[in-house]
Amino acid sequence: MMSLTPEFVTSAANEKGFLHTDKPVIAVSGKSNVGKSSFINLLANRAKLARTSNTPGRTRLVNYFDFGPFVLADLPGYGFAQASKAERAKWGKLMERFFEKGAAHVFSLFDIRHAPTKEDLQMVRYLYYYAIPFTAVATKSDKIGKTRIKPRLTELAAELGIAPGNIVAVSAEDGRGRDEALARAEQAVKLFYDKDAD
């Protein structure tokens, strides 16, 4: 397992602020309040690296964290109902520009307790369409019974239209799924450098 020394680097409100780095960039996407900050803190094994909030729609910037072997980019949450149409369009444009710059991998987050939203399905279609490698991450797995996790992952994979092996259940409460998610990150880092070596 890779050795991590996570640190916050910078935030970007627009394309000009995007971080330029030689390291692979792994993005974290998901709807507002799905648990992106908690997931980042779980990966980092640090309680307060990314700020968590009970108020949806707090992350309106791309926040960058240096994890040593890779840079993690926390993307603004989508599907926040109280955001204005203009603001949602601005976020959408920001995301398009971000992905045009290239991401080595995306952790696409979904709440294990709920069926995917229209925006969730749109995100998965987007990742497939542009052939961006991703892992689906089912957050808040401590909120359902342990025996329900595996069947729910199978259901969620079917709802998202992805392979059952491409989904990981995580919990910021009990640490479930951290090693598996980090193994996916490690694989993405390896592929990034192998591709560069060709």
N, C-alpha and C. Protein backbone atom coordinates (compact mmCIF):
# COMPACT_ATOMS: atom_id res chain seq x y z
N MET A 1 0.85 -1.20 0.00
CA MET A 1 0.00 0.00 0.00
C MET A 1 0.87 1.24 0.00
N MET A 2 0.46 2.24 -0.79
CA MET A 2 1.26 3.46 -0.89
C MET A 2 1.29 4.25 0.42
N SER A 3 2.37 4.94 0.62
CA SER A 3 2.52 5.77 1.82
C SER A 3 1.96 7.16 1.50
N LEU A 4 1.04 7.64 2.33
CA LEU A 4 0.36 8.89 2.04
C LEU A 4 0.71 9.97 3.06
N THR A 5 0.88 11.19 2.54
CA THR A 5 1.09 12.35 3.42
C THR A 5 0.19 13.47 2.92
N PRO A 6 -1.13 13.33 3.11
CA PRO A 6 -2.06 14.25 2.47
C PRO A 6 -2.01 15.67 3.05
N GLU A 7 -2.06 16.64 2.15
CA GLU A 7 -2.08 18.05 2.53
C GLU A 7 -3.00 18.80 1.58
N PHE A 8 -3.73 19.80 2.10
CA PHE A 8 -4.52 20.67 1.24
C PHE A 8 -3.56 21.53 0.42
N VAL A 9 -3.83 21.70 -0.88
CA VAL A 9 -2.94 22.50 -1.74
C VAL A 9 -3.56 23.83 -2.09
N THR A 10 -4.71 23.80 -2.78
CA THR A 10 -5.32 25.05 -3.25
C THR A 10 -6.76 24.79 -3.67
N SER A 11 -7.50 25.87 -3.89
CA SER A 11 -8.86 25.80 -4.42
C SER A 11 -8.92 26.56 -5.73
N ALA A 12 -9.77 26.11 -6.64
CA ALA A 12 -9.94 26.79 -7.92
C ALA A 12 -11.41 27.12 -8.14
N ALA A 13 -11.68 28.39 -8.43
CA ALA A 13 -13.06 28.82 -8.69
C ALA A 13 -13.35 28.79 -10.18
N ASN A 14 -12.26 28.73 -10.99
CA ASN A 14 -12.44 28.70 -12.44
C ASN A 14 -11.24 28.01 -13.08
N GLU A 15 -11.28 27.91 -14.38
CA GLU A 15 -10.25 27.17 -15.13
C GLU A 15 -8.84 27.71 -14.88
N LYS A 16 -8.75 29.05 -14.73
CA LYS A 16 -7.43 29.67 -14.50
C LYS A 16 -6.78 29.16 -13.23
N GLY A 17 -7.61 28.79 -12.25
CA GLY A 17 -7.08 28.34 -10.97
C GLY A 17 -6.74 26.86 -10.91
N PHE A 18 -7.04 26.10 -11.99
CA PHE A 18 -6.77 24.66 -11.97
C PHE A 18 -5.29 24.41 -11.69
N LEU A 19 -5.04 23.39 -10.89
CA LEU A 19 -3.67 23.05 -10.51
C LEU A 19 -2.94 22.39 -11.68
N HIS A 20 -1.74 22.86 -11.96
CA HIS A 20 -0.89 22.22 -12.96
C HIS A 20 0.10 21.33 -12.22
N THR A 21 0.06 20.06 -12.51
CA THR A 21 0.90 19.11 -11.79
C THR A 21 1.33 17.98 -12.72
N ASP A 22 2.50 17.41 -12.44
CA ASP A 22 2.97 16.25 -13.20
C ASP A 22 2.42 14.95 -12.62
N LYS A 23 1.81 15.06 -11.44
CA LYS A 23 1.27 13.86 -10.78
C LYS A 23 -0.09 13.51 -11.38
N PRO A 24 -0.49 12.24 -11.28
CA PRO A 24 -1.84 11.88 -11.71
C PRO A 24 -2.88 12.57 -10.82
N VAL A 25 -3.96 13.04 -11.44
CA VAL A 25 -5.04 13.68 -10.69
C VAL A 25 -6.21 12.70 -10.61
N ILE A 26 -6.64 12.43 -9.38
CA ILE A 26 -7.79 11.55 -9.15
C ILE A 26 -8.91 12.43 -8.59
N ALA A 27 -10.05 12.43 -9.27
CA ALA A 27 -11.15 13.31 -8.88
C ALA A 27 -12.17 12.57 -8.02
N VAL A 28 -12.85 13.34 -7.17
CA VAL A 28 -13.95 12.81 -6.36
C VAL A 28 -15.20 13.58 -6.76
N SER A 29 -16.19 12.87 -7.31
CA SER A 29 -17.42 13.55 -7.74
C SER A 29 -18.62 12.92 -7.05
N GLY A 30 -19.70 13.67 -7.02
CA GLY A 30 -20.94 13.15 -6.42
C GLY A 30 -21.89 14.29 -6.15
N LYS A 31 -23.14 13.93 -5.87
CA LYS A 31 -24.12 14.99 -5.62
C LYS A 31 -23.85 15.62 -4.25
N SER A 32 -24.46 16.77 -4.04
CA SER A 32 -24.30 17.48 -2.78
C SER A 32 -24.73 16.58 -1.61
N ASN A 33 -23.93 16.59 -0.57
CA ASN A 33 -24.22 15.86 0.67
C ASN A 33 -24.11 14.34 0.57
N VAL A 34 -23.39 13.84 -0.47
CA VAL A 34 -23.23 12.38 -0.61
C VAL A 34 -22.11 11.87 0.30
N GLY A 35 -21.29 12.79 0.80
CA GLY A 35 -20.19 12.39 1.70
C GLY A 35 -18.82 12.46 1.08
N LYS A 36 -18.62 13.43 0.15
CA LYS A 36 -17.32 13.54 -0.52
C LYS A 36 -16.21 13.90 0.47
N SER A 37 -16.46 14.90 1.32
CA SER A 37 -15.43 15.32 2.28
C SER A 37 -15.10 14.19 3.26
N SER A 38 -16.13 13.48 3.70
CA SER A 38 -15.91 12.35 4.62
C SER A 38 -15.09 11.26 3.94
N PHE A 39 -15.36 11.03 2.64
CA PHE A 39 -14.61 10.03 1.88
C PHE A 39 -13.14 10.43 1.76
N ILE A 40 -12.89 11.71 1.48
CA ILE A 40 -11.51 12.20 1.38
C ILE A 40 -10.79 12.04 2.71
N ASN A 41 -11.48 12.38 3.79
CA ASN A 41 -10.89 12.23 5.12
C ASN A 41 -10.61 10.76 5.45
N LEU A 42 -11.50 9.88 4.98
CA LEU A 42 -11.30 8.44 5.17
C LEU A 42 -10.04 7.98 4.44
N LEU A 43 -9.89 8.38 3.17
CA LEU A 43 -8.69 8.02 2.40
C LEU A 43 -7.43 8.54 3.07
N ALA A 44 -7.52 9.79 3.56
CA ALA A 44 -6.36 10.44 4.17
C ALA A 44 -6.06 9.91 5.56
N ASN A 45 -7.05 9.22 6.15
CA ASN A 45 -6.94 8.76 7.54
C ASN A 45 -6.73 9.95 8.48
N ARG A 46 -7.39 11.07 8.11
CA ARG A 46 -7.34 12.28 8.92
C ARG A 46 -8.74 12.84 9.05
N ALA A 47 -9.13 13.19 10.27
CA ALA A 47 -10.51 13.60 10.51
C ALA A 47 -10.91 14.90 9.83
N LYS A 48 -9.99 15.84 9.68
CA LYS A 48 -10.43 17.15 9.21
C LYS A 48 -9.61 17.70 8.05
N LEU A 49 -9.13 16.82 7.18
CA LEU A 49 -8.39 17.32 6.01
C LEU A 49 -9.34 18.11 5.11
N ALA A 50 -10.47 17.47 4.77
CA ALA A 50 -11.51 18.16 3.99
C ALA A 50 -12.63 18.54 4.95
N ARG A 51 -13.13 19.75 4.80
CA ARG A 51 -14.19 20.21 5.71
C ARG A 51 -15.51 19.56 5.36
N THR A 52 -16.14 18.97 6.37
CA THR A 52 -17.46 18.37 6.14
C THR A 52 -18.52 19.37 6.59
N SER A 53 -19.71 19.26 6.01
CA SER A 53 -20.79 20.17 6.36
C SER A 53 -22.12 19.45 6.23
N ASN A 54 -23.07 19.82 7.09
CA ASN A 54 -24.42 19.26 6.96
C ASN A 54 -25.23 20.04 5.95
N THR A 55 -24.69 21.17 5.49
CA THR A 55 -25.39 21.99 4.52
C THR A 55 -24.98 21.59 3.12
N PRO A 56 -25.93 21.06 2.30
CA PRO A 56 -25.57 20.67 0.94
C PRO A 56 -25.10 21.87 0.13
N GLY A 57 -24.25 21.61 -0.85
CA GLY A 57 -23.84 22.65 -1.77
C GLY A 57 -22.75 23.56 -1.25
N ARG A 58 -22.05 23.15 -0.19
CA ARG A 58 -21.01 24.01 0.37
C ARG A 58 -19.76 24.07 -0.52
N THR A 59 -19.42 22.93 -1.15
CA THR A 59 -18.21 22.92 -2.00
C THR A 59 -18.57 23.50 -3.36
N ARG A 60 -18.14 24.73 -3.61
CA ARG A 60 -18.42 25.37 -4.91
C ARG A 60 -17.14 25.59 -5.69
N LEU A 61 -16.07 25.03 -5.19
CA LEU A 61 -14.76 25.17 -5.81
C LEU A 61 -14.21 23.77 -6.09
N VAL A 62 -13.16 23.71 -6.90
CA VAL A 62 -12.40 22.46 -7.01
C VAL A 62 -11.30 22.58 -5.96
N ASN A 63 -11.33 21.68 -4.97
CA ASN A 63 -10.32 21.70 -3.90
C ASN A 63 -9.31 20.60 -4.16
N TYR A 64 -8.03 20.98 -4.14
CA TYR A 64 -6.95 20.03 -4.44
C TYR A 64 -6.21 19.62 -3.17
N PHE A 65 -5.94 18.31 -3.07
CA PHE A 65 -5.19 17.76 -1.94
C PHE A 65 -4.04 16.93 -2.49
N ASP A 66 -2.86 17.16 -1.98
CA ASP A 66 -1.69 16.38 -2.41
C ASP A 66 -1.58 15.15 -1.53
N PHE A 67 -1.72 13.98 -2.15
CA PHE A 67 -1.65 12.72 -1.41
C PHE A 67 -0.29 12.04 -1.57
N GLY A 68 0.70 12.78 -2.06
CA GLY A 68 2.02 12.18 -2.27
C GLY A 68 2.13 11.61 -3.67
N PRO A 69 1.73 10.34 -3.89
CA PRO A 69 1.83 9.76 -5.23
C PRO A 69 0.83 10.36 -6.23
N PHE A 70 -0.24 10.96 -5.72
CA PHE A 70 -1.26 11.54 -6.61
C PHE A 70 -1.87 12.79 -5.97
N VAL A 71 -2.58 13.54 -6.80
CA VAL A 71 -3.33 14.70 -6.31
C VAL A 71 -4.82 14.35 -6.38
N LEU A 72 -5.52 14.61 -5.29
CA LEU A 72 -6.96 14.34 -5.25
C LEU A 72 -7.69 15.67 -5.46
N ALA A 73 -8.64 15.68 -6.39
CA ALA A 73 -9.42 16.90 -6.66
C ALA A 73 -10.86 16.67 -6.22
N ASP A 74 -11.30 17.45 -5.25
CA ASP A 74 -12.67 17.38 -4.76
C ASP A 74 -13.52 18.33 -5.60
N LEU A 75 -14.44 17.77 -6.39
CA LEU A 75 -15.25 18.57 -7.31
C LEU A 75 -16.51 19.08 -6.62
N PRO A 76 -17.05 20.21 -7.10
CA PRO A 76 -18.29 20.71 -6.51
C PRO A 76 -19.42 19.70 -6.63
N GLY A 77 -20.25 19.59 -5.60
CA GLY A 77 -21.38 18.66 -5.64
C GLY A 77 -22.41 19.10 -6.66
N TYR A 78 -22.98 18.13 -7.36
CA TYR A 78 -24.02 18.47 -8.34
C TYR A 78 -25.40 18.18 -7.77
N GLY A 79 -26.42 18.67 -8.47
CA GLY A 79 -27.80 18.34 -8.09
C GLY A 79 -28.30 19.06 -6.86
N PHE A 80 -27.71 20.22 -6.53
CA PHE A 80 -28.17 20.97 -5.36
C PHE A 80 -29.37 21.82 -5.75
N ALA A 81 -30.56 21.46 -5.26
CA ALA A 81 -31.81 22.07 -5.70
C ALA A 81 -31.87 23.58 -5.46
N GLN A 82 -31.25 24.05 -4.38
CA GLN A 82 -31.38 25.47 -4.04
C GLN A 82 -30.42 26.37 -4.83
N ALA A 83 -29.55 25.78 -5.63
CA ALA A 83 -28.65 26.60 -6.46
C ALA A 83 -29.45 27.15 -7.64
N SER A 84 -29.13 28.36 -8.04
CA SER A 84 -29.84 28.96 -9.17
C SER A 84 -29.45 28.24 -10.46
N LYS A 85 -30.28 28.43 -11.48
CA LYS A 85 -30.02 27.79 -12.78
C LYS A 85 -28.66 28.26 -13.33
N ALA A 86 -28.41 29.56 -13.18
CA ALA A 86 -27.14 30.13 -13.69
C ALA A 86 -25.95 29.53 -12.95
N GLU A 87 -26.12 29.33 -11.64
CA GLU A 87 -25.03 28.77 -10.84
C GLU A 87 -24.77 27.31 -11.22
N ARG A 88 -25.86 26.57 -11.44
CA ARG A 88 -25.71 25.17 -11.85
C ARG A 88 -25.01 25.08 -13.21
N ALA A 89 -25.36 25.99 -14.11
CA ALA A 89 -24.73 26.01 -15.44
C ALA A 89 -23.24 26.32 -15.31
N LYS A 90 -22.91 27.23 -14.39
CA LYS A 90 -21.51 27.62 -14.16
C LYS A 90 -20.71 26.41 -13.63
N TRP A 91 -21.32 25.67 -12.69
CA TRP A 91 -20.66 24.48 -12.15
C TRP A 91 -20.45 23.45 -13.25
N GLY A 92 -21.49 23.28 -14.09
CA GLY A 92 -21.41 22.31 -15.19
C GLY A 92 -20.26 22.63 -16.13
N LYS A 93 -20.11 23.91 -16.45
CA LYS A 93 -19.04 24.36 -17.34
C LYS A 93 -17.68 24.11 -16.69
N LEU A 94 -17.60 24.40 -15.39
CA LEU A 94 -16.35 24.19 -14.64
C LEU A 94 -15.94 22.72 -14.70
N MET A 95 -16.92 21.83 -14.54
CA MET A 95 -16.64 20.39 -14.57
C MET A 95 -16.16 19.94 -15.95
N GLU A 96 -16.84 20.46 -16.99
CA GLU A 96 -16.42 20.11 -18.36
C GLU A 96 -14.97 20.50 -18.60
N ARG A 97 -14.63 21.71 -18.21
CA ARG A 97 -13.25 22.21 -18.37
C ARG A 97 -12.27 21.35 -17.58
N PHE A 98 -12.69 20.97 -16.37
CA PHE A 98 -11.82 20.15 -15.52
C PHE A 98 -11.51 18.82 -16.20
N PHE A 99 -12.54 18.15 -16.69
CA PHE A 99 -12.34 16.83 -17.30
C PHE A 99 -11.61 16.91 -18.63
N GLU A 100 -11.75 18.04 -19.31
CA GLU A 100 -10.99 18.23 -20.55
C GLU A 100 -9.48 18.24 -20.28
N LYS A 101 -9.11 18.72 -19.09
CA LYS A 101 -7.69 18.77 -18.70
C LYS A 101 -7.15 17.37 -18.41
N GLY A 102 -8.07 16.45 -18.15
CA GLY A 102 -7.66 15.05 -17.93
C GLY A 102 -7.64 14.65 -16.47
N ALA A 103 -8.23 13.50 -16.18
CA ALA A 103 -8.20 12.93 -14.83
C ALA A 103 -7.76 11.48 -14.99
N ALA A 104 -6.82 11.05 -14.16
CA ALA A 104 -6.32 9.67 -14.24
C ALA A 104 -7.40 8.68 -13.81
N HIS A 105 -8.28 9.12 -12.90
CA HIS A 105 -9.32 8.24 -12.37
C HIS A 105 -10.35 9.13 -11.67
N VAL A 106 -11.56 8.62 -11.54
CA VAL A 106 -12.60 9.34 -10.81
C VAL A 106 -13.24 8.39 -9.80
N PHE A 107 -13.36 8.85 -8.56
CA PHE A 107 -14.19 8.16 -7.58
C PHE A 107 -15.56 8.83 -7.67
N SER A 108 -16.54 8.10 -8.20
CA SER A 108 -17.88 8.66 -8.38
C SER A 108 -18.76 8.15 -7.23
N LEU A 109 -19.21 9.07 -6.38
CA LEU A 109 -19.87 8.69 -5.12
C LEU A 109 -21.39 8.66 -5.22
N PHE A 110 -21.97 7.65 -4.56
CA PHE A 110 -23.42 7.48 -4.50
C PHE A 110 -23.79 7.04 -3.09
N ASP A 111 -24.92 7.50 -2.60
CA ASP A 111 -25.41 7.10 -1.27
C ASP A 111 -26.00 5.70 -1.39
N ILE A 112 -25.46 4.77 -0.62
CA ILE A 112 -25.88 3.36 -0.71
C ILE A 112 -27.37 3.18 -0.41
N ARG A 113 -27.94 4.12 0.35
CA ARG A 113 -29.33 3.96 0.81
C ARG A 113 -30.37 4.34 -0.24
N HIS A 114 -29.93 5.08 -1.27
CA HIS A 114 -30.91 5.63 -2.21
C HIS A 114 -30.65 5.20 -3.66
N ALA A 115 -31.72 5.22 -4.44
CA ALA A 115 -31.57 4.96 -5.88
C ALA A 115 -30.83 6.15 -6.50
N PRO A 116 -30.04 5.91 -7.53
CA PRO A 116 -29.32 7.02 -8.16
C PRO A 116 -30.29 8.07 -8.73
N THR A 117 -29.90 9.33 -8.64
CA THR A 117 -30.71 10.42 -9.19
C THR A 117 -30.44 10.53 -10.69
N LYS A 118 -31.22 11.38 -11.33
CA LYS A 118 -31.02 11.65 -12.76
C LYS A 118 -29.60 12.17 -13.00
N GLU A 119 -29.14 13.06 -12.09
CA GLU A 119 -27.79 13.63 -12.22
C GLU A 119 -26.71 12.56 -12.03
N ASP A 120 -26.97 11.60 -11.12
CA ASP A 120 -26.02 10.49 -10.90
C ASP A 120 -25.84 9.69 -12.19
N LEU A 121 -26.96 9.37 -12.82
CA LEU A 121 -26.93 8.56 -14.05
C LEU A 121 -26.25 9.34 -15.17
N GLN A 122 -26.51 10.64 -15.19
CA GLN A 122 -25.88 11.53 -16.18
C GLN A 122 -24.36 11.51 -16.01
N MET A 123 -23.91 11.55 -14.76
CA MET A 123 -22.48 11.55 -14.46
C MET A 123 -21.82 10.26 -14.97
N VAL A 124 -22.46 9.12 -14.70
CA VAL A 124 -21.92 7.82 -15.14
C VAL A 124 -21.86 7.77 -16.67
N ARG A 125 -22.93 8.25 -17.32
CA ARG A 125 -22.94 8.29 -18.79
C ARG A 125 -21.80 9.16 -19.32
N TYR A 126 -21.59 10.29 -18.66
CA TYR A 126 -20.53 11.22 -19.05
C TYR A 126 -19.16 10.54 -18.97
N LEU A 127 -18.91 9.84 -17.86
CA LEU A 127 -17.63 9.16 -17.66
C LEU A 127 -17.42 8.06 -18.71
N TYR A 128 -18.48 7.32 -19.01
CA TYR A 128 -18.38 6.28 -20.04
C TYR A 128 -18.14 6.90 -21.42
N TYR A 129 -18.91 7.96 -21.72
CA TYR A 129 -18.83 8.58 -23.04
C TYR A 129 -17.41 9.09 -23.34
N TYR A 130 -16.79 9.71 -22.32
CA TYR A 130 -15.45 10.25 -22.52
C TYR A 130 -14.34 9.27 -22.12
N ALA A 131 -14.74 8.02 -21.85
CA ALA A 131 -13.79 6.94 -21.51
C ALA A 131 -12.86 7.34 -20.36
N ILE A 132 -13.46 7.95 -19.32
CA ILE A 132 -12.68 8.34 -18.14
C ILE A 132 -12.77 7.18 -17.14
N PRO A 133 -11.64 6.58 -16.74
CA PRO A 133 -11.70 5.45 -15.80
C PRO A 133 -12.29 5.90 -14.46
N PHE A 134 -13.20 5.08 -13.92
CA PHE A 134 -13.80 5.47 -12.63
C PHE A 134 -14.15 4.25 -11.79
N THR A 135 -14.29 4.51 -10.52
CA THR A 135 -14.79 3.52 -9.56
C THR A 135 -16.02 4.12 -8.89
N ALA A 136 -17.12 3.37 -8.87
CA ALA A 136 -18.31 3.82 -8.14
C ALA A 136 -18.08 3.54 -6.66
N VAL A 137 -18.40 4.51 -5.83
CA VAL A 137 -18.20 4.37 -4.39
C VAL A 137 -19.56 4.55 -3.70
N ALA A 138 -19.98 3.53 -2.97
CA ALA A 138 -21.25 3.59 -2.23
C ALA A 138 -20.96 4.06 -0.80
N THR A 139 -21.32 5.30 -0.52
CA THR A 139 -21.01 5.89 0.79
C THR A 139 -22.07 5.52 1.83
N LYS A 140 -21.73 5.82 3.09
CA LYS A 140 -22.67 5.68 4.23
C LYS A 140 -23.13 4.24 4.42
N SER A 141 -22.22 3.27 4.14
CA SER A 141 -22.60 1.86 4.24
C SER A 141 -22.87 1.42 5.68
N ASP A 142 -22.42 2.24 6.65
CA ASP A 142 -22.72 1.90 8.06
C ASP A 142 -24.18 2.18 8.40
N LYS A 143 -24.90 2.87 7.50
CA LYS A 143 -26.30 3.25 7.79
C LYS A 143 -27.28 2.13 7.43
N ILE A 144 -26.77 1.05 6.82
CA ILE A 144 -27.66 -0.09 6.56
C ILE A 144 -27.06 -1.33 7.22
N GLY A 145 -27.87 -2.35 7.41
CA GLY A 145 -27.39 -3.58 8.06
C GLY A 145 -26.28 -4.24 7.25
N LYS A 146 -25.33 -4.85 7.96
CA LYS A 146 -24.17 -5.46 7.27
C LYS A 146 -24.58 -6.48 6.22
N THR A 147 -25.64 -7.24 6.50
CA THR A 147 -26.05 -8.28 5.54
C THR A 147 -26.70 -7.67 4.30
N ARG A 148 -27.10 -6.39 4.38
CA ARG A 148 -27.74 -5.71 3.25
C ARG A 148 -26.71 -5.11 2.28
N ILE A 149 -25.45 -4.97 2.74
CA ILE A 149 -24.47 -4.24 1.93
C ILE A 149 -24.22 -4.90 0.58
N LYS A 150 -23.91 -6.20 0.61
CA LYS A 150 -23.55 -6.89 -0.65
C LYS A 150 -24.72 -6.88 -1.64
N PRO A 151 -25.94 -7.29 -1.22
CA PRO A 151 -27.05 -7.25 -2.16
C PRO A 151 -27.34 -5.83 -2.67
N ARG A 152 -27.17 -4.85 -1.78
CA ARG A 152 -27.44 -3.46 -2.19
C ARG A 152 -26.41 -2.99 -3.23
N LEU A 153 -25.17 -3.44 -3.09
CA LEU A 153 -24.14 -3.09 -4.08
C LEU A 153 -24.50 -3.66 -5.45
N THR A 154 -25.01 -4.89 -5.45
CA THR A 154 -25.43 -5.52 -6.71
C THR A 154 -26.57 -4.73 -7.34
N GLU A 155 -27.54 -4.32 -6.50
CA GLU A 155 -28.68 -3.53 -6.99
C GLU A 155 -28.20 -2.18 -7.56
N LEU A 156 -27.34 -1.53 -6.80
CA LEU A 156 -26.85 -0.20 -7.18
C LEU A 156 -26.06 -0.27 -8.49
N ALA A 157 -25.24 -1.31 -8.62
CA ALA A 157 -24.47 -1.49 -9.87
C ALA A 157 -25.43 -1.64 -11.05
N ALA A 158 -26.50 -2.42 -10.86
CA ALA A 158 -27.49 -2.62 -11.93
C ALA A 158 -28.21 -1.31 -12.24
N GLU A 159 -28.55 -0.54 -11.19
CA GLU A 159 -29.23 0.75 -11.39
C GLU A 159 -28.34 1.74 -12.15
N LEU A 160 -27.03 1.67 -11.90
CA LEU A 160 -26.09 2.58 -12.55
C LEU A 160 -25.64 2.07 -13.92
N GLY A 161 -25.90 0.79 -14.18
CA GLY A 161 -25.48 0.20 -15.45
C GLY A 161 -23.99 -0.05 -15.51
N ILE A 162 -23.42 -0.46 -14.36
CA ILE A 162 -21.97 -0.73 -14.31
C ILE A 162 -21.73 -2.16 -13.86
N ALA A 163 -20.50 -2.63 -14.04
CA ALA A 163 -20.15 -4.00 -13.61
C ALA A 163 -20.16 -4.06 -12.09
N PRO A 164 -20.68 -5.16 -11.50
CA PRO A 164 -20.74 -5.28 -10.04
C PRO A 164 -19.36 -5.16 -9.37
N GLY A 165 -18.29 -5.52 -10.11
CA GLY A 165 -16.94 -5.44 -9.54
C GLY A 165 -16.39 -4.02 -9.51
N ASN A 166 -17.13 -3.05 -10.08
CA ASN A 166 -16.63 -1.69 -10.15
C ASN A 166 -17.29 -0.78 -9.11
N ILE A 167 -17.70 -1.38 -7.99
CA ILE A 167 -18.33 -0.58 -6.94
C ILE A 167 -17.79 -1.00 -5.58
N VAL A 168 -17.46 0.00 -4.77
CA VAL A 168 -16.87 -0.24 -3.45
C VAL A 168 -17.75 0.41 -2.39
N ALA A 169 -18.07 -0.35 -1.34
CA ALA A 169 -18.83 0.23 -0.22
C ALA A 169 -17.86 0.83 0.79
N VAL A 170 -18.12 2.06 1.21
CA VAL A 170 -17.24 2.70 2.19
C VAL A 170 -18.06 3.27 3.35
N SER A 171 -17.38 3.46 4.45
CA SER A 171 -17.98 4.12 5.60
C SER A 171 -16.91 4.95 6.31
N ALA A 172 -17.19 6.23 6.46
CA ALA A 172 -16.27 7.10 7.18
C ALA A 172 -16.33 6.81 8.68
N GLU A 173 -17.41 6.16 9.10
CA GLU A 173 -17.59 5.85 10.53
C GLU A 173 -16.71 4.68 10.98
N ASP A 174 -16.72 3.59 10.20
CA ASP A 174 -15.98 2.40 10.65
C ASP A 174 -14.77 2.05 9.78
N GLY A 175 -14.50 2.91 8.77
CA GLY A 175 -13.30 2.70 7.95
C GLY A 175 -13.46 1.68 6.84
N ARG A 176 -14.67 1.11 6.70
CA ARG A 176 -14.92 0.12 5.66
C ARG A 176 -14.56 0.67 4.28
N GLY A 177 -13.89 -0.15 3.46
CA GLY A 177 -13.63 0.18 2.07
C GLY A 177 -12.41 1.05 1.82
N ARG A 178 -11.76 1.52 2.89
CA ARG A 178 -10.60 2.42 2.69
C ARG A 178 -9.49 1.72 1.89
N ASP A 179 -9.12 0.51 2.32
CA ASP A 179 -8.03 -0.20 1.65
C ASP A 179 -8.36 -0.50 0.19
N GLU A 180 -9.62 -0.86 -0.05
CA GLU A 180 -10.03 -1.18 -1.42
C GLU A 180 -9.98 0.07 -2.31
N ALA A 181 -10.46 1.19 -1.77
CA ALA A 181 -10.44 2.45 -2.54
C ALA A 181 -9.00 2.89 -2.80
N LEU A 182 -8.13 2.75 -1.79
CA LEU A 182 -6.72 3.13 -1.97
C LEU A 182 -6.03 2.22 -2.99
N ALA A 183 -6.45 0.96 -3.01
CA ALA A 183 -5.88 0.02 -4.00
C ALA A 183 -6.26 0.47 -5.41
N ARG A 184 -7.49 0.98 -5.57
CA ARG A 184 -7.93 1.50 -6.88
C ARG A 184 -7.08 2.73 -7.26
N ALA A 185 -6.82 3.59 -6.27
CA ALA A 185 -5.99 4.78 -6.52
C ALA A 185 -4.58 4.36 -6.92
N GLU A 186 -4.06 3.36 -6.23
CA GLU A 186 -2.70 2.87 -6.50
C GLU A 186 -2.61 2.33 -7.93
N GLN A 187 -3.64 1.61 -8.33
CA GLN A 187 -3.71 1.04 -9.68
C GLN A 187 -3.74 2.18 -10.72
N ALA A 188 -4.53 3.23 -10.42
CA ALA A 188 -4.63 4.38 -11.34
C ALA A 188 -3.28 5.09 -11.48
N VAL A 189 -2.55 5.21 -10.37
CA VAL A 189 -1.23 5.84 -10.39
C VAL A 189 -0.27 5.01 -11.26
N LYS A 190 -0.32 3.70 -11.07
CA LYS A 190 0.56 2.80 -11.83
C LYS A 190 0.26 2.91 -13.33
N LEU A 191 -1.02 2.89 -13.68
CA LEU A 191 -1.43 2.99 -15.10
C LEU A 191 -0.98 4.32 -15.69
N PHE A 192 -1.08 5.38 -14.90
CA PHE A 192 -0.68 6.72 -15.35
C PHE A 192 0.79 6.74 -15.75
N TYR A 193 1.64 6.17 -14.87
CA TYR A 193 3.08 6.18 -15.16
C TYR A 193 3.47 5.16 -16.23
N ASP A 194 2.75 4.03 -16.26
CA ASP A 194 3.01 3.03 -17.31
C ASP A 194 2.70 3.60 -18.69
N LYS A 195 1.61 4.38 -18.76
CA LYS A 195 1.19 5.00 -20.02
C LYS A 195 2.24 6.02 -20.48
N ASP A 196 2.77 6.79 -19.51
CA ASP A 196 3.81 7.78 -19.80
C ASP A 196 5.11 7.13 -20.29
N ALA A 197 5.35 5.91 -19.79
CA ALA A 197 6.60 5.20 -20.14
C ALA A 197 6.55 4.65 -21.56
N ASP A 198 5.34 4.46 -22.09
CA ASP A 198 5.21 3.88 -23.45
C ASP A 198 5.76 4.81 -24.52
